[in-house]
Amino acid sequence: PCSSPHEHLFGLAGGASYGFGLSLGLLQMFQWCCCNDSTGNAVTDIGADQIEPMSFKVSSYNKPRTVTFDDLSEAANVHEVTMGCPLSWRAAAVTQKPKRVSVCSALSEQQAENLQKETVQLFHNVRGYLGSHDVLNAIVTPDMMGPLMLPDADWRGVTRATWKRIVDINALGGPRLQVVWWGTLLEDRQLPQYPCDWSRILDAEALLLAWLENMDDHGKVDGRAVCLTFFSHRWERPSTDVSLAHPDSVCNKKALALAQYGSRGTCPIFEPHHKFDYYFWVDYAGIHQYDPWQKVLGICKLPVFVSSCDGLAIFNSATADYEPRAWTRVERMLAYTFTASPVFVYLDEGYPWKPLDVNAIIAQDPSSFKRDESGALQIVIRSPLGPNSQLTCAEDLKLIQELAAIALSVQPLNWRRFSADDQKIDFDDTAILLDTMHYTLDDEEFQRQQSAMSALWSAAFALGNNRAEVADPTAVATRNSADHKQKEGHRFGCMSMPFFLQLHRRLQAHAARDQ
């Protein structure tokens, strides 16, 4: 029972009942009421300056435009394609059912000692893999990207290379790479948790293998190329009790934003010729939340998990400060070192229903966000071990220290850092470009779809009034009364999306007949 703007979005593209009765102002009020939940959890500052290897003991919102039947068709088609969002051929990649889904007890002293040894070995494997000849010779350069921007680009080679990398990563030991499909988020409207929601999570290796079997001659499935994205965010409801901790807000704003991002499939670099089928690595679904042994080993593999992803998406929450979190800082270090994309995707609560205000973002946190020479938005890399870095569990400090050391010492695979005059990361100075163009493109698309659906509503009432005028002129006066309009508006607003599709087809038939 949560009426956030994203719930309103899902009425448009998610198969839910919805109406147009809520104004934008009311939607903003609902968003504030539902999403400003207090975490109430204290965080500690990390007072360490040295990082060393660990010793493990542009909107069109206000522009008038004419809505055509083509617009209505596209809005209807979006719903028909996404409604239900079954896994289809992806079902073959569902993760194996875990042996247990309950919270595991604390490790014994002997188990902790064994985990320490396995952790050291896994970190050693990770470092060795990232420094291997095959990996260092697979850096994605601008020359390699150029041919992929062409309308008839062949994505098969990229997909095979991604699958091979995931196979190698899984062979290092520890947990396997697991991802969540945007369609699952669109259907469930919440982030799945591993192990409880294992049937909603995909094994990345099996997924890419199934993709290779189903792709066309251009490496696409259903007209889209595959894209793996690492999701970096700060948990909204942290807790030392793992059964109570949750990464999302009460209204699931992150899950809904990722679902919207995935459903649109936008990447400005490859517009307008290519759309993408997005799969997200999310800590809540990619790392065992109830088994401390598996959780630690999953954290050890973060560098290689990042290296398997095409890019990183950050969620700059208004209710959980994203930047100071030690974990998000080290994730950005890893992404700047190992992902293929030279930019990070920017998301927040306003996506895609509200135009992005870059000035407001910078004004809110000028030490973390700034503009480059061209005016584009950047985020500054700051030390995960600095004095203002925040961490809930002090026990995580050793792991963060080792992850940061890997990012600083291993040769970068990210072209932006690799080609820089100075490859070194200078905390509080090195900045990463944020992709906000997709935000603007998707917002404009959303506003266009909203206009189309509003026009459909208006056309429906016009059609009803015209019929009534012929049959009974008195009924028109009744229908136009204020009380009747209020009742009818509520009833119409509660109609399900299939009704709109049927109505849309009827309107099309009437238009064709009139022509």
Protein backbone atom coordinates (compact mmCIF):
# COMPACT_ATOMS: atom_id res chain seq x y z
CA PRO A 1 0.00 0.00 0.00
CA CYS A 2 2.57 2.55 -1.07
CA SER A 3 1.85 5.22 -3.64
CA SER A 4 5.25 6.48 -4.72
CA PRO A 5 6.02 7.92 -8.15
CA HIS A 6 7.59 4.59 -9.03
CA GLU A 7 4.34 2.81 -8.14
CA HIS A 8 2.70 5.22 -10.59
CA LEU A 9 5.30 4.28 -13.18
CA PHE A 10 4.51 0.63 -12.71
CA GLY A 11 0.90 1.34 -13.46
CA LEU A 12 2.09 2.40 -16.90
CA ALA A 13 4.52 -0.41 -17.62
CA GLY A 14 3.99 -3.08 -14.99
CA GLY A 15 0.49 -4.46 -15.37
CA ALA A 16 -0.93 -2.88 -12.20
CA SER A 17 -4.17 -0.96 -11.83
CA TYR A 18 -3.56 2.75 -11.89
CA GLY A 19 -5.17 6.08 -12.58
CA PHE A 20 -4.30 9.58 -13.62
CA GLY A 21 -6.09 11.24 -10.72
CA LEU A 22 -2.91 12.01 -8.76
CA SER A 23 -1.21 15.24 -9.64
CA LEU A 24 2.57 15.49 -9.78
CA GLY A 25 2.48 17.44 -6.51
CA LEU A 26 0.61 14.63 -4.76
CA LEU A 27 3.04 12.09 -6.16
CA GLN A 28 5.94 14.08 -4.75
CA MET A 29 4.20 14.21 -1.37
CA PHE A 30 3.62 10.45 -1.39
CA GLN A 31 7.27 9.90 -2.32
CA TRP A 32 8.37 12.00 0.68
CA CYS A 33 6.01 10.27 3.08
CA CYS A 34 6.87 6.75 1.96
CA CYS A 35 10.60 7.04 1.42
CA ASN A 36 11.82 9.15 4.34
CA ASP A 37 12.13 6.24 6.71
CA SER A 38 14.73 6.70 9.42
CA THR A 39 17.45 4.11 9.69
CA GLY A 40 18.30 5.04 13.25
CA ASN A 41 21.57 3.17 13.02
CA ALA A 42 24.79 4.74 14.22
CA VAL A 43 27.80 4.67 11.94
CA THR A 44 31.40 4.94 12.93
CA ASP A 45 34.14 7.02 11.35
CA ILE A 46 37.20 5.16 10.13
CA GLY A 47 40.33 6.88 11.28
CA ALA A 48 42.89 5.25 9.01
CA ASP A 49 44.90 7.04 6.35
CA GLN A 50 47.10 4.24 5.03
CA ILE A 51 45.87 1.52 2.72
CA GLU A 52 47.97 -1.60 2.53
CA PRO A 53 47.39 -5.28 1.74
CA MET A 54 45.66 -6.86 4.70
CA SER A 55 47.25 -9.37 6.99
CA PHE A 56 44.24 -11.52 7.67
CA LYS A 57 44.07 -12.69 11.10
CA VAL A 58 17.30 17.72 -20.80
CA SER A 59 13.64 17.57 -20.24
CA SER A 60 10.59 18.08 -22.53
CA TYR A 61 8.19 18.10 -19.59
CA ASN A 62 6.61 21.51 -20.17
CA LYS A 63 6.72 21.49 -23.96
CA PRO A 64 3.28 21.11 -25.62
CA ARG A 65 3.14 18.47 -28.29
CA THR A 66 0.59 16.64 -30.43
CA VAL A 67 -0.04 13.05 -29.38
CA THR A 68 -0.65 10.69 -32.28
CA PHE A 69 -1.98 7.16 -32.53
CA ASP A 70 1.61 6.02 -33.03
CA ASP A 71 2.38 7.32 -29.53
CA LEU A 72 -0.59 5.44 -28.14
CA SER A 73 0.50 2.27 -29.91
CA GLU A 74 3.99 2.47 -28.45
CA ALA A 75 2.67 3.05 -24.93
CA ALA A 76 0.40 0.04 -25.31
CA ASN A 77 3.15 -2.11 -26.79
CA VAL A 78 5.49 -1.32 -23.89
CA HIS A 79 2.91 -2.73 -21.53
CA GLU A 80 2.20 -5.81 -23.64
CA VAL A 81 5.89 -6.68 -23.85
CA THR A 82 6.63 -6.25 -20.14
CA MET A 83 3.39 -7.42 -18.52
CA GLY A 84 4.15 -10.45 -16.36
CA CYS A 85 7.79 -10.56 -17.48
CA PRO A 86 8.25 -14.35 -17.38
CA LEU A 87 11.83 -15.57 -17.35
CA SER A 88 11.20 -17.47 -20.58
CA TRP A 89 14.49 -19.01 -21.82
CA ARG A 90 16.25 -17.42 -18.82
CA ALA A 91 14.60 -19.98 -16.54
CA ALA A 92 17.42 -22.38 -17.44
CA ALA A 93 19.81 -20.03 -15.61
CA VAL A 94 18.01 -19.88 -12.25
CA THR A 95 20.47 -20.47 -9.41
CA GLN A 96 20.53 -23.83 -7.71
CA LYS A 97 18.44 -24.15 -4.59
CA PRO A 98 20.71 -23.51 -1.57
CA LYS A 99 21.12 -26.22 1.03
CA ARG A 100 19.67 -23.98 3.71
CA VAL A 101 17.91 -20.62 3.73
CA SER A 102 17.86 -19.99 7.48
CA VAL A 103 20.27 -17.76 9.38
CA CYS A 104 23.46 -19.64 10.22
CA SER A 105 24.92 -19.54 13.69
CA ALA A 106 28.18 -17.72 14.42
CA LEU A 107 31.37 -19.45 13.36
CA SER A 108 33.31 -21.44 15.90
CA GLU A 109 36.93 -20.59 16.61
CA GLN A 110 38.12 -23.43 14.39
CA GLN A 111 35.75 -22.42 11.58
CA ALA A 112 36.96 -18.82 11.80
CA GLU A 113 40.55 -20.01 11.49
CA ASN A 114 39.70 -22.13 8.44
CA LEU A 115 37.81 -19.20 6.88
CA GLN A 116 40.85 -17.00 7.39
CA LYS A 117 43.01 -19.41 5.43
CA GLU A 118 40.47 -19.75 2.63
CA THR A 119 40.08 -15.97 2.45
CA VAL A 120 43.83 -15.43 2.04
CA GLN A 121 43.91 -18.04 -0.73
CA LEU A 122 40.90 -16.57 -2.53
CA PHE A 123 42.35 -13.06 -2.44
CA HIS A 124 45.56 -14.54 -3.87
CA ASN A 125 43.53 -16.16 -6.69
CA VAL A 126 41.74 -12.90 -7.41
CA ARG A 127 44.96 -10.92 -7.65
CA GLY A 128 46.53 -13.56 -9.88
CA TYR A 129 43.56 -13.61 -12.23
CA LEU A 130 43.35 -9.82 -12.57
CA GLY A 131 47.05 -9.71 -13.40
CA SER A 132 46.92 -12.59 -15.87
CA HIS A 133 47.90 -12.23 -19.52
CA ASP A 134 44.39 -12.99 -20.82
CA VAL A 135 42.79 -10.31 -18.67
CA LEU A 136 45.37 -7.60 -19.29
CA ASN A 137 45.07 -8.12 -23.04
CA ALA A 138 41.30 -7.75 -23.01
CA ILE A 139 41.05 -4.03 -22.20
CA VAL A 140 38.13 -2.46 -24.06
CA THR A 141 39.46 0.51 -26.05
CA PRO A 142 37.61 3.23 -28.02
CA ASP A 143 38.76 1.55 -31.25
CA MET A 144 36.90 -1.58 -30.18
CA MET A 145 33.78 0.39 -29.26
CA GLY A 146 33.51 2.17 -32.61
CA PRO A 147 32.27 -0.80 -34.69
CA LEU A 148 29.68 -1.61 -32.01
CA MET A 149 28.04 1.77 -32.53
CA LEU A 150 27.11 0.95 -36.12
CA PRO A 151 23.48 -0.02 -36.84
CA ASP A 152 24.45 -3.53 -37.99
CA ALA A 153 27.02 -4.17 -35.23
CA ASP A 154 27.76 -7.77 -34.30
CA TRP A 155 27.69 -8.32 -30.54
CA ARG A 156 28.45 -12.04 -30.60
CA GLY A 157 32.17 -11.65 -29.92
CA VAL A 158 31.56 -9.39 -26.92
CA THR A 159 29.05 -11.82 -25.47
CA ARG A 160 31.37 -14.81 -25.88
CA ALA A 161 34.21 -12.88 -24.21
CA THR A 162 31.96 -11.96 -21.27
CA TRP A 163 30.85 -15.57 -20.87
CA LYS A 164 34.48 -16.78 -20.94
CA ARG A 165 35.46 -14.25 -18.27
CA ILE A 166 32.60 -15.39 -16.01
CA VAL A 167 33.64 -19.03 -16.47
CA ASP A 168 37.16 -18.14 -15.36
CA ILE A 169 35.89 -16.11 -12.40
CA ASN A 170 33.70 -18.93 -11.17
CA ALA A 171 36.68 -21.29 -11.44
CA LEU A 172 38.63 -19.21 -8.90
CA GLY A 173 36.62 -20.74 -6.06
CA GLY A 174 34.15 -19.17 -3.67
CA PRO A 175 30.62 -18.06 -4.63
CA ARG A 176 29.52 -17.92 -8.26
CA LEU A 177 28.52 -14.73 -10.04
CA GLN A 178 24.76 -14.16 -9.68
CA VAL A 179 22.62 -11.43 -11.27
CA VAL A 180 19.04 -10.16 -11.30
CA TRP A 181 17.13 -9.48 -14.51
CA TRP A 182 15.29 -6.18 -14.83
CA GLY A 183 12.12 -8.07 -15.81
CA THR A 184 12.12 -9.84 -12.45
CA LEU A 185 12.32 -6.49 -10.69
CA LEU A 186 9.50 -5.19 -12.87
CA GLU A 187 7.32 -8.14 -11.90
CA ASP A 188 8.24 -8.50 -8.22
CA ARG A 189 8.78 -4.80 -7.43
CA GLN A 190 11.43 -5.63 -4.87
CA LEU A 191 15.05 -6.71 -4.71
CA PRO A 192 15.38 -10.49 -4.32
CA GLN A 193 17.46 -11.77 -1.42
CA TYR A 194 19.82 -14.68 -1.57
CA PRO A 195 19.21 -17.34 -0.34
CA CYS A 196 15.47 -16.88 0.36
CA ASP A 197 14.58 -15.69 -3.16
CA TRP A 198 17.01 -17.97 -4.98
CA SER A 199 14.44 -18.80 -7.69
CA ARG A 200 14.38 -15.13 -8.75
CA ILE A 201 18.17 -14.91 -9.15
CA LEU A 202 20.19 -16.04 -12.18
CA ASP A 203 23.56 -17.75 -12.42
CA ALA A 204 25.50 -15.45 -14.75
CA GLU A 205 27.50 -18.22 -16.43
CA ALA A 206 24.37 -20.23 -17.22
CA LEU A 207 22.61 -17.06 -18.36
CA LEU A 208 25.30 -16.14 -20.87
CA LEU A 209 25.42 -19.72 -22.13
CA ALA A 210 21.66 -19.62 -22.70
CA TRP A 211 22.08 -16.25 -24.40
CA LEU A 212 24.65 -17.70 -26.80
CA GLU A 213 22.17 -20.43 -27.68
CA ASN A 214 19.28 -18.00 -28.27
CA MET A 215 20.99 -14.98 -29.86
CA ASP A 216 20.54 -13.98 -33.49
CA ASP A 217 23.21 -13.29 -36.12
CA HIS A 218 24.00 -9.94 -34.46
CA GLY A 219 24.36 -11.35 -30.95
CA LYS A 220 20.98 -10.05 -29.77
CA VAL A 221 17.94 -11.62 -28.18
CA ASP A 222 14.58 -9.91 -28.71
CA GLY A 223 16.40 -7.05 -30.40
CA ARG A 224 18.67 -6.27 -27.44
CA ALA A 225 22.32 -6.88 -26.59
CA VAL A 226 23.22 -8.23 -23.16
CA CYS A 227 24.66 -5.92 -20.49
CA LEU A 228 25.80 -6.72 -16.94
CA THR A 229 25.80 -3.80 -14.50
CA PHE A 230 27.22 -3.62 -10.98
CA PHE A 231 24.82 -1.78 -8.66
CA SER A 232 26.43 0.41 -5.99
CA HIS A 233 24.16 1.77 -3.26
CA ARG A 234 23.88 2.40 0.46
CA TRP A 235 21.47 0.26 2.41
CA GLU A 236 18.34 2.08 3.52
CA ARG A 237 17.60 -0.07 6.57
CA PRO A 238 20.88 -1.46 7.92
CA SER A 239 20.96 -3.61 11.03
CA THR A 240 23.40 -5.89 12.81
CA ASP A 241 20.55 -8.41 12.79
CA VAL A 242 20.77 -9.94 9.31
CA SER A 243 17.12 -10.98 9.42
CA LEU A 244 16.09 -7.31 9.79
CA ALA A 245 18.61 -5.57 7.51
CA HIS A 246 17.26 -4.48 4.13
CA PRO A 247 18.93 -2.48 1.33
CA ASP A 248 15.81 -0.80 -0.03
CA SER A 249 13.26 1.67 1.28
CA VAL A 250 9.80 0.66 2.42
CA CYS A 251 8.43 1.54 -1.02
CA ASN A 252 11.27 -0.32 -2.80
CA LYS A 253 12.48 2.73 -4.69
CA LYS A 254 15.75 1.11 -5.82
CA ALA A 255 14.10 -1.99 -7.24
CA LEU A 256 11.59 0.12 -9.12
CA ALA A 257 14.26 2.47 -10.48
CA LEU A 258 16.36 -0.45 -11.73
CA ALA A 259 13.29 -2.01 -13.31
CA GLN A 260 12.52 1.22 -15.15
CA TYR A 261 16.13 1.57 -16.24
CA GLY A 262 16.20 -1.99 -17.53
CA SER A 263 12.83 -1.81 -19.26
CA ARG A 264 13.98 1.14 -21.34
CA GLY A 265 17.33 -0.46 -22.20
CA THR A 266 18.98 2.89 -22.84
CA CYS A 267 22.70 3.53 -23.25
CA PRO A 268 23.50 6.99 -24.69
CA ILE A 269 26.76 5.77 -26.23
CA PHE A 270 24.89 3.38 -28.50
CA GLU A 271 21.74 5.40 -29.16
CA PRO A 272 19.74 5.23 -31.31
CA HIS A 273 20.74 1.91 -32.87
CA HIS A 274 21.04 -0.43 -29.88
CA LYS A 275 19.05 -1.26 -26.76
CA PHE A 276 20.24 -3.49 -23.95
CA ASP A 277 18.87 -6.30 -21.84
CA TYR A 278 20.14 -5.33 -18.39
CA TYR A 279 21.17 -7.73 -15.63
CA PHE A 280 22.27 -6.32 -12.29
CA TRP A 281 24.76 -7.56 -9.73
CA VAL A 282 23.24 -6.50 -6.40
CA ASP A 283 24.91 -7.39 -3.11
CA TYR A 284 21.59 -8.45 -1.59
CA ALA A 285 21.12 -11.05 -4.33
CA GLY A 286 24.74 -11.79 -5.24
CA ILE A 287 26.13 -12.57 -1.78
CA HIS A 288 24.74 -15.02 0.76
CA GLN A 289 23.04 -12.92 3.44
CA TYR A 290 22.65 -15.64 6.09
CA ASP A 291 25.90 -17.62 5.88
CA PRO A 292 28.89 -15.67 7.30
CA TRP A 293 31.36 -18.01 5.58
CA GLN A 294 29.86 -17.52 2.12
CA LYS A 295 29.37 -13.81 2.73
CA VAL A 296 33.06 -13.21 3.45
CA LEU A 297 34.12 -15.24 0.41
CA GLY A 298 31.68 -13.32 -1.77
CA ILE A 299 33.21 -10.05 -0.60
CA CYS A 300 36.66 -11.38 -1.47
CA LYS A 301 35.50 -11.80 -5.06
CA LEU A 302 34.14 -8.26 -5.46
CA PRO A 303 37.06 -7.17 -7.70
CA VAL A 304 36.43 -9.97 -10.21
CA PHE A 305 32.67 -9.56 -9.99
CA VAL A 306 33.18 -5.91 -10.92
CA SER A 307 35.55 -6.87 -13.75
CA SER A 308 32.86 -9.07 -15.32
CA CYS A 309 30.42 -6.15 -15.51
CA ASP A 310 30.20 -3.65 -18.34
CA GLY A 311 29.70 -0.75 -15.98
CA LEU A 312 28.59 0.51 -12.59
CA ALA A 313 25.32 2.24 -11.63
CA ILE A 314 25.13 4.32 -8.47
CA PHE A 315 21.96 5.18 -6.57
CA ASN A 316 22.28 8.56 -4.88
CA SER A 317 19.55 8.20 -2.27
CA ALA A 318 17.94 11.17 -0.56
CA THR A 319 17.31 9.11 2.59
CA ALA A 320 20.62 7.24 2.98
CA ASP A 321 23.77 9.27 2.28
CA TYR A 322 25.50 7.34 -0.52
CA GLU A 323 28.94 8.87 -0.83
CA PRO A 324 30.50 8.63 2.70
CA ARG A 325 29.80 4.92 3.04
CA ALA A 326 33.10 2.99 3.09
CA TRP A 327 31.65 0.15 1.04
CA THR A 328 30.36 2.42 -1.74
CA ARG A 329 33.70 4.24 -1.86
CA VAL A 330 35.65 1.03 -2.37
CA GLU A 331 33.10 -0.14 -4.96
CA ARG A 332 33.73 3.02 -6.97
CA MET A 333 37.49 2.45 -6.71
CA LEU A 334 37.05 -1.09 -8.04
CA ALA A 335 34.75 0.03 -10.86
CA TYR A 336 37.12 2.82 -11.90
CA THR A 337 39.82 0.14 -12.11
CA PHE A 338 38.10 -2.90 -13.58
CA THR A 339 34.83 -2.15 -15.44
CA ALA A 340 34.73 -1.62 -19.20
CA SER A 341 32.67 1.57 -19.20
CA PRO A 342 34.54 4.87 -18.72
CA VAL A 343 31.47 6.43 -17.01
CA PHE A 344 29.17 5.50 -14.14
CA VAL A 345 25.39 5.52 -14.50
CA TYR A 346 23.60 7.95 -12.18
CA LEU A 347 20.23 7.03 -10.61
CA ASP A 348 18.14 8.47 -7.79
CA GLU A 349 14.53 8.66 -6.60
CA GLY A 350 13.53 11.00 -9.40
CA TYR A 351 14.41 8.61 -12.23
CA PRO A 352 12.78 8.65 -14.73
CA TRP A 353 9.69 10.66 -13.77
CA LYS A 354 11.45 13.90 -12.86
CA PRO A 355 14.03 15.93 -14.85
CA LEU A 356 17.54 15.74 -13.43
CA ASP A 357 18.82 18.86 -11.66
CA VAL A 358 22.64 18.70 -11.72
CA ASN A 359 23.00 21.96 -9.84
CA ALA A 360 20.89 20.65 -6.96
CA ILE A 361 23.01 17.49 -6.76
CA ILE A 362 26.21 19.49 -6.49
CA ALA A 363 24.70 21.97 -4.03
CA GLN A 364 23.68 19.15 -1.73
CA ASP A 365 27.19 17.64 -1.60
CA PRO A 366 29.78 19.91 -3.25
CA SER A 367 32.73 17.95 -1.84
CA SER A 368 31.62 14.78 -3.65
CA PHE A 369 30.00 16.03 -6.86
CA LYS A 370 31.29 18.61 -9.32
CA ARG A 371 31.30 19.54 -13.01
CA ASP A 372 34.17 18.99 -15.41
CA GLU A 373 35.36 21.51 -18.00
CA SER A 374 32.46 20.66 -20.30
CA GLY A 375 29.87 20.99 -17.54
CA ALA A 376 29.25 17.24 -17.15
CA LEU A 377 28.59 15.82 -13.69
CA GLN A 378 31.41 13.98 -11.90
CA ILE A 379 31.78 12.15 -8.61
CA VAL A 380 35.02 12.45 -6.63
CA ILE A 381 36.84 9.33 -5.40
CA ARG A 382 37.43 9.59 -1.67
CA SER A 383 39.26 7.21 0.64
CA PRO A 384 37.19 4.34 2.07
CA LEU A 385 39.54 4.47 5.06
CA GLY A 386 39.57 8.24 5.49
CA PRO A 387 38.51 10.03 8.67
CA ASN A 388 35.03 10.87 7.33
CA SER A 389 34.33 7.38 5.93
CA GLN A 390 31.41 5.60 7.56
CA LEU A 391 31.12 1.94 8.43
CA THR A 392 28.48 0.11 10.45
CA CYS A 393 30.52 -3.01 11.31
CA ALA A 394 34.11 -2.39 12.34
CA GLU A 395 34.88 -6.04 11.50
CA ASP A 396 34.56 -5.13 7.79
CA LEU A 397 37.57 -2.83 7.95
CA LYS A 398 40.15 -5.52 7.06
CA LEU A 399 38.17 -6.62 4.01
CA ILE A 400 37.75 -3.05 2.77
CA GLN A 401 41.45 -2.44 3.29
CA GLU A 402 42.38 -5.40 1.10
CA LEU A 403 39.86 -4.48 -1.63
CA ALA A 404 41.20 -0.92 -1.74
CA ALA A 405 44.75 -2.21 -1.94
CA ILE A 406 43.84 -4.35 -4.95
CA ALA A 407 42.27 -1.37 -6.71
CA LEU A 408 45.38 0.73 -6.09
CA SER A 409 48.02 -1.85 -6.98
CA VAL A 410 46.67 -3.95 -9.87
CA GLN A 411 46.96 -2.68 -13.45
CA PRO A 412 43.68 -0.99 -14.38
CA LEU A 413 41.40 -2.51 -17.02
CA ASN A 414 39.13 0.52 -17.28
CA TRP A 415 40.20 2.50 -20.35
CA ARG A 416 39.59 5.88 -18.75
CA ARG A 417 42.01 5.15 -15.91
CA PHE A 418 44.38 3.09 -18.07
CA SER A 419 44.82 5.91 -20.59
CA ALA A 420 45.12 8.71 -18.02
CA ASP A 421 48.40 10.62 -17.80
CA ASP A 422 48.55 9.56 -14.17
CA GLN A 423 46.92 6.20 -13.46
CA LYS A 424 47.17 6.73 -9.73
CA ILE A 425 44.02 7.42 -7.73
CA ASP A 426 44.41 10.66 -5.80
CA PHE A 427 41.75 10.74 -3.12
CA ASP A 428 39.61 13.91 -3.06
CA ASP A 429 40.99 14.85 -6.50
CA THR A 430 40.40 12.01 -8.98
CA ALA A 431 36.86 12.26 -10.35
CA ILE A 432 34.75 9.94 -12.50
CA LEU A 433 32.32 11.11 -15.18
CA LEU A 434 28.67 10.26 -14.49
CA ASP A 435 26.29 9.28 -17.28
CA THR A 436 23.26 11.54 -16.85
CA MET A 437 22.27 11.54 -20.53
CA HIS A 438 20.30 8.28 -20.11
CA TYR A 439 18.43 9.99 -17.26
CA THR A 440 17.35 12.82 -19.55
CA LEU A 441 16.47 10.51 -22.45
CA ASP A 442 14.39 8.21 -20.26
CA ASP A 443 12.65 11.12 -18.53
CA GLU A 444 11.62 12.54 -21.91
CA GLU A 445 10.36 9.12 -22.96
CA PHE A 446 8.38 8.80 -19.74
CA GLN A 447 6.78 12.21 -20.20
CA ARG A 448 5.88 11.30 -23.77
CA GLN A 449 4.25 8.06 -22.64
CA GLN A 450 2.37 9.91 -19.91
CA SER A 451 1.05 12.35 -22.52
CA ALA A 452 0.00 9.45 -24.71
CA MET A 453 -1.87 7.72 -21.91
CA SER A 454 -3.54 10.98 -20.85
CA ALA A 455 -4.66 11.45 -24.44
CA LEU A 456 -6.04 7.91 -24.40
CA TRP A 457 -8.05 8.74 -21.31
CA SER A 458 -9.41 11.92 -22.85
CA ALA A 459 -10.28 10.10 -26.06
CA ALA A 460 -12.12 7.45 -24.09
CA PHE A 461 -14.36 9.99 -22.41
CA ALA A 462 -14.90 11.82 -25.69
CA LEU A 463 -15.96 8.57 -27.33
CA GLY A 464 -18.36 7.82 -24.49
CA ASN A 465 -19.88 11.31 -24.58
CA ASN A 466 -20.39 11.18 -28.36
CA ARG A 467 -22.24 7.87 -28.12
CA ALA A 468 -24.38 9.10 -25.23
CA GLU A 469 -25.29 12.31 -27.07
CA VAL A 470 -26.75 10.28 -29.91
CA ALA A 471 -28.57 7.83 -27.67
CA ASP A 472 -29.78 10.13 -24.88
CA PRO A 473 -28.97 13.88 -24.73
CA THR A 474 -30.17 14.00 -21.11
CA ALA A 475 -27.50 11.47 -20.11
CA VAL A 476 -24.80 13.86 -21.36
CA ALA A 477 -25.89 16.55 -18.89
CA THR A 478 -25.81 13.99 -16.08
CA ARG A 479 -22.40 12.73 -17.12
CA ASN A 480 -20.99 16.26 -17.23
CA SER A 481 -22.11 17.10 -13.70
CA ALA A 482 -19.31 17.60 -11.18
CA ASP A 483 -20.38 14.76 -8.87
CA HIS A 484 -20.69 12.29 -11.70
CA LYS A 485 -17.28 13.27 -13.14
CA GLN A 486 -15.66 12.73 -9.75
CA LYS A 487 -17.18 9.25 -9.39
CA GLU A 488 -16.44 8.27 -12.97
CA GLY A 489 -12.91 9.61 -12.75
CA HIS A 490 -12.19 7.43 -9.74
CA ARG A 491 -13.78 4.38 -11.34
CA PHE A 492 -11.89 4.92 -14.59
CA GLY A 493 -8.64 5.53 -12.73
CA CYS A 494 -8.94 2.15 -11.04
CA MET A 495 -9.35 0.24 -14.28
CA SER A 496 -6.61 -2.22 -15.11
CA MET A 497 -4.13 -1.79 -17.91
CA PRO A 498 -5.70 -4.52 -20.13
CA PHE A 499 -8.78 -2.28 -20.30
CA PHE A 500 -6.63 0.51 -21.73
CA LEU A 501 -5.24 -1.86 -24.34
CA GLN A 502 -8.73 -2.93 -25.40
CA LEU A 503 -9.88 0.67 -25.47
CA HIS A 504 -6.83 1.67 -27.48
CA ARG A 505 -7.60 -0.94 -30.12
CA ARG A 506 -11.23 0.21 -30.30
CA LEU A 507 -10.13 3.80 -30.79
CA GLN A 508 -7.78 2.70 -33.54
CA ALA A 509 -10.64 0.86 -35.24
CA HIS A 510 -12.87 3.94 -35.01
CA ALA A 511 -10.13 6.15 -36.46
CA ALA A 512 -9.61 3.74 -39.36
CA ARG A 513 -13.33 3.64 -40.04
CA ASP A 514 -13.60 7.43 -39.99
CA GLN A 515 -10.71 7.72 -42.43
